[in-house]
Protein backbone atom coordinates (compact mmCIF):
# COMPACT_ATOMS: atom_id res chain seq x y z
CA UNK A 1 0.08 0.17 -0.23
CA UNK A 2 1.57 3.44 -0.90
CA UNK A 3 1.25 5.81 1.77
CA UNK A 4 2.21 8.78 -0.69
CA UNK A 5 0.43 11.76 -1.59
CA UNK A 6 1.90 15.05 -2.62
CA UNK A 7 -0.61 17.59 -1.28
CA UNK A 8 -1.14 16.02 2.19
CA UNK A 9 2.89 15.20 2.32
CA UNK A 10 3.84 18.86 1.83
CA UNK A 11 1.15 20.23 4.35
CA UNK A 12 2.65 17.95 6.86
CA UNK A 13 6.13 18.49 5.92
CA UNK A 14 5.37 22.29 6.33
CA UNK A 15 3.45 21.80 9.72
CA UNK A 16 6.69 19.46 10.87
CA UNK A 17 8.66 22.42 9.93
CA UNK A 18 6.73 25.08 11.54
CA UNK A 19 7.35 22.74 14.75
CA UNK A 20 11.07 22.64 15.01
CA UNK A 21 10.50 26.32 14.58
CA UNK A 22 8.72 26.80 17.46
CA UNK A 23 11.11 24.33 19.17
CA UNK A 24 13.80 26.73 18.66
CA UNK A 25 12.03 29.77 19.21
CA UNK A 26 11.51 28.31 22.88
CA UNK A 27 15.03 28.19 23.20
CA UNK A 28 15.13 31.68 22.56
CA UNK A 29 16.49 31.71 18.83
CA UNK A 30 15.63 33.41 15.63
CA UNK A 31 14.39 31.15 12.99
CA UNK A 32 13.90 32.01 9.45
CA UNK A 33 11.77 29.73 6.51
CA UNK A 34 14.39 29.65 3.85
CA UNK A 35 13.28 30.94 0.55
CA UNK A 36 13.02 28.97 -2.25
CA UNK A 37 16.36 29.46 -3.74
CA UNK A 38 18.35 28.60 -0.60
CA UNK A 39 16.73 25.35 -0.06
CA UNK A 40 19.54 23.73 -1.07
CA UNK A 41 20.74 24.60 2.45
CA UNK A 42 17.99 23.27 4.43
CA UNK A 43 14.47 24.29 5.57
CA UNK A 44 15.17 27.16 7.96
CA UNK A 45 17.68 29.09 8.96
CA UNK A 46 18.39 29.54 12.84
CA UNK A 47 20.33 32.08 15.04
CA UNK A 48 21.16 34.36 18.11
CA UNK A 49 22.06 33.44 21.51
CA UNK A 50 25.95 35.14 20.47
CA UNK A 51 26.19 31.44 17.89
CA UNK A 52 27.09 31.44 14.36
CA UNK A 53 23.78 30.78 12.27
CA UNK A 54 22.33 27.20 11.34
CA UNK A 55 20.67 25.60 9.01
CA UNK A 56 18.22 22.87 9.67
CA UNK A 57 16.61 20.48 6.77
CA UNK A 58 13.48 19.12 8.50
CA UNK A 59 12.05 15.93 7.59
CA UNK A 60 8.69 14.58 9.23
CA UNK A 61 9.20 10.47 9.22
CA UNK A 62 5.63 9.39 9.28
CA UNK A 63 6.04 5.87 8.66
CA UNK A 64 8.95 5.64 11.75
CA UNK A 65 6.72 5.00 14.08
CA UNK A 66 5.54 2.11 13.14
CA UNK A 67 8.45 0.81 11.74
CA UNK A 68 10.86 1.09 13.54
CA UNK A 69 13.25 3.03 11.32
CA UNK A 70 14.16 5.98 10.39
CA UNK A 71 14.17 6.11 6.26
CA UNK A 72 17.32 8.41 4.47
CA UNK A 73 16.42 9.53 0.72
CA UNK A 74 20.14 9.69 -0.89
CA UNK A 75 19.47 9.41 -4.87
CA UNK A 76 16.53 9.69 -7.65
CA UNK A 77 16.21 7.13 -10.28
CA UNK A 78 18.81 9.03 -12.45
CA UNK A 79 21.67 8.58 -9.74
CA UNK A 80 21.81 12.29 -8.45
CA UNK A 81 22.24 12.71 -4.87
CA UNK A 82 19.13 13.59 -2.90
CA UNK A 83 17.62 14.61 0.55
CA UNK A 84 20.04 13.35 3.09
CA UNK A 85 23.28 13.03 0.42
CA UNK A 86 22.60 16.23 -0.88
CA UNK A 87 21.70 18.68 1.54
CA UNK A 88 23.74 21.48 2.20
CA UNK A 89 22.36 21.86 5.80
CA UNK A 90 24.14 21.86 9.10
CA UNK A 91 21.54 20.19 11.05
CA UNK A 92 18.75 17.40 9.69
CA UNK A 93 15.66 16.95 12.22
CA UNK A 94 13.68 13.94 12.24
CA UNK A 95 10.14 14.34 13.89
CA UNK A 96 8.62 10.69 14.69
CA UNK A 97 4.96 10.54 15.97
CA UNK A 98 4.67 9.08 19.60
CA UNK A 99 1.40 9.46 20.05
CA UNK A 100 -1.60 12.08 19.08
CA UNK A 101 0.12 14.91 21.47
CA UNK A 102 3.99 14.28 21.33
CA UNK A 103 6.74 13.79 18.86
CA UNK A 104 10.40 12.86 19.06
CA UNK A 105 12.84 14.89 17.48
CA UNK A 106 16.20 13.39 16.30
CA UNK A 107 18.49 16.01 15.45
CA UNK A 108 21.79 14.92 13.42
CA UNK A 109 24.76 16.68 12.34
CA UNK A 110 24.49 16.27 8.74
CA UNK A 111 28.58 15.73 8.16
CA UNK A 112 28.36 12.60 11.46
CA UNK A 113 24.85 11.42 9.62
CA UNK A 114 26.71 11.19 6.32
CA UNK A 115 29.61 9.60 7.74
CA UNK A 116 27.44 6.96 9.55
CA UNK A 117 25.32 5.84 6.50
CA UNK A 118 27.98 5.49 4.26
CA UNK A 119 30.40 3.77 6.62
CA UNK A 120 31.13 0.06 5.74
CA UNK A 121 31.86 -0.61 9.11
CA UNK A 122 27.26 0.00 9.22
CA UNK A 123 26.71 -1.93 6.90
CA UNK A 124 24.52 -4.46 8.33
CA UNK A 125 22.55 -1.92 10.20
CA UNK A 126 21.69 -0.15 6.61
CA UNK A 127 18.77 -1.90 4.41
CA UNK A 128 18.39 0.30 1.13
CA UNK A 129 14.90 -0.27 -0.51
CA UNK A 130 13.92 1.69 -3.87
CA UNK A 131 10.46 3.88 -2.56
CA UNK A 132 8.86 7.27 -2.71
CA UNK A 133 7.09 8.19 -5.90
CA UNK A 134 7.07 4.85 -8.63
CA UNK A 135 10.21 3.68 -6.20
CA UNK A 136 12.30 6.16 -8.00
CA UNK A 137 14.39 6.77 -5.28
CA UNK A 138 17.13 4.71 -3.33
CA UNK A 139 16.34 4.66 0.45
CA UNK A 140 18.33 3.73 3.72
CA UNK A 141 16.49 2.46 6.48
CA UNK A 142 17.78 2.38 9.74
CA UNK A 143 16.22 1.09 13.43
CA UNK A 144 15.83 3.49 15.89
CA UNK A 145 17.41 1.13 17.93
CA UNK A 146 20.97 1.24 16.32
CA UNK A 147 20.77 4.94 15.92
CA UNK A 148 19.93 5.32 19.43
CA UNK A 149 22.94 2.99 20.31
CA UNK A 150 25.54 4.49 18.05
CA UNK A 151 24.40 7.71 19.68
CA UNK A 152 24.21 9.87 16.07
CA UNK A 153 21.21 11.67 17.38
CA UNK A 154 20.29 13.98 20.08
CA UNK A 155 16.34 12.80 20.63
CA UNK A 156 14.00 15.23 22.69
CA UNK A 157 10.38 14.72 23.23
CA UNK A 158 8.54 17.44 22.80
CA UNK A 159 4.52 18.43 23.17
CA UNK A 160 3.39 18.87 19.46
CA UNK A 161 0.45 17.63 17.26
CA UNK A 162 1.23 16.06 14.02
CA UNK A 163 -0.85 13.71 12.02
CA UNK A 164 0.29 9.74 12.53
C-alpha cells in the first residue's frame, strides 16, 4: 500500500517545519524559513544566542513509528544525489510521532550522519530499498534502536500534534 500523497505530504512537511521552528524559538533562537532559492541549504535558518547561524533540514517520517526505522533518501532514479546525500544543511531533524500529543525530535549533525550512513562498518545496520514516487528513490533504512545505541542523534520528546 502506498503512503505517498503529494499535497498531504507537503502540508504535513510544512507543519513539521513549524514544529521545529517553534522548538528553536522556545529556546530563544531567531528562526527564519529559507526561501526557495536557498532550500539546498535546508528549510530553516536558526540564529541568535551569540552563536553562528546554522541551517536545519526538517523531515517528518510518518512511517517510523510503525516500522521502527528512520528513512534517509539518498538518490533519485537517475542516480543523482537527493535528500540527506545532497542537503547542505548543518543539521537534520527527523520528527517521529510518539502519540497524539507528542513527537520525538531526532537531531543529527549532517556530516556525522552521512559518515554513519556510508561507513562500511555499518553495512549490516542499514537496509537499502527503493521507494517514493514510483519507487524512483534509493532510501536507506536504519533502525531507531541502532541510531540510539550508536549515539548518532540527540533525541528529545516535545509536545506537538502531528498526523500519526
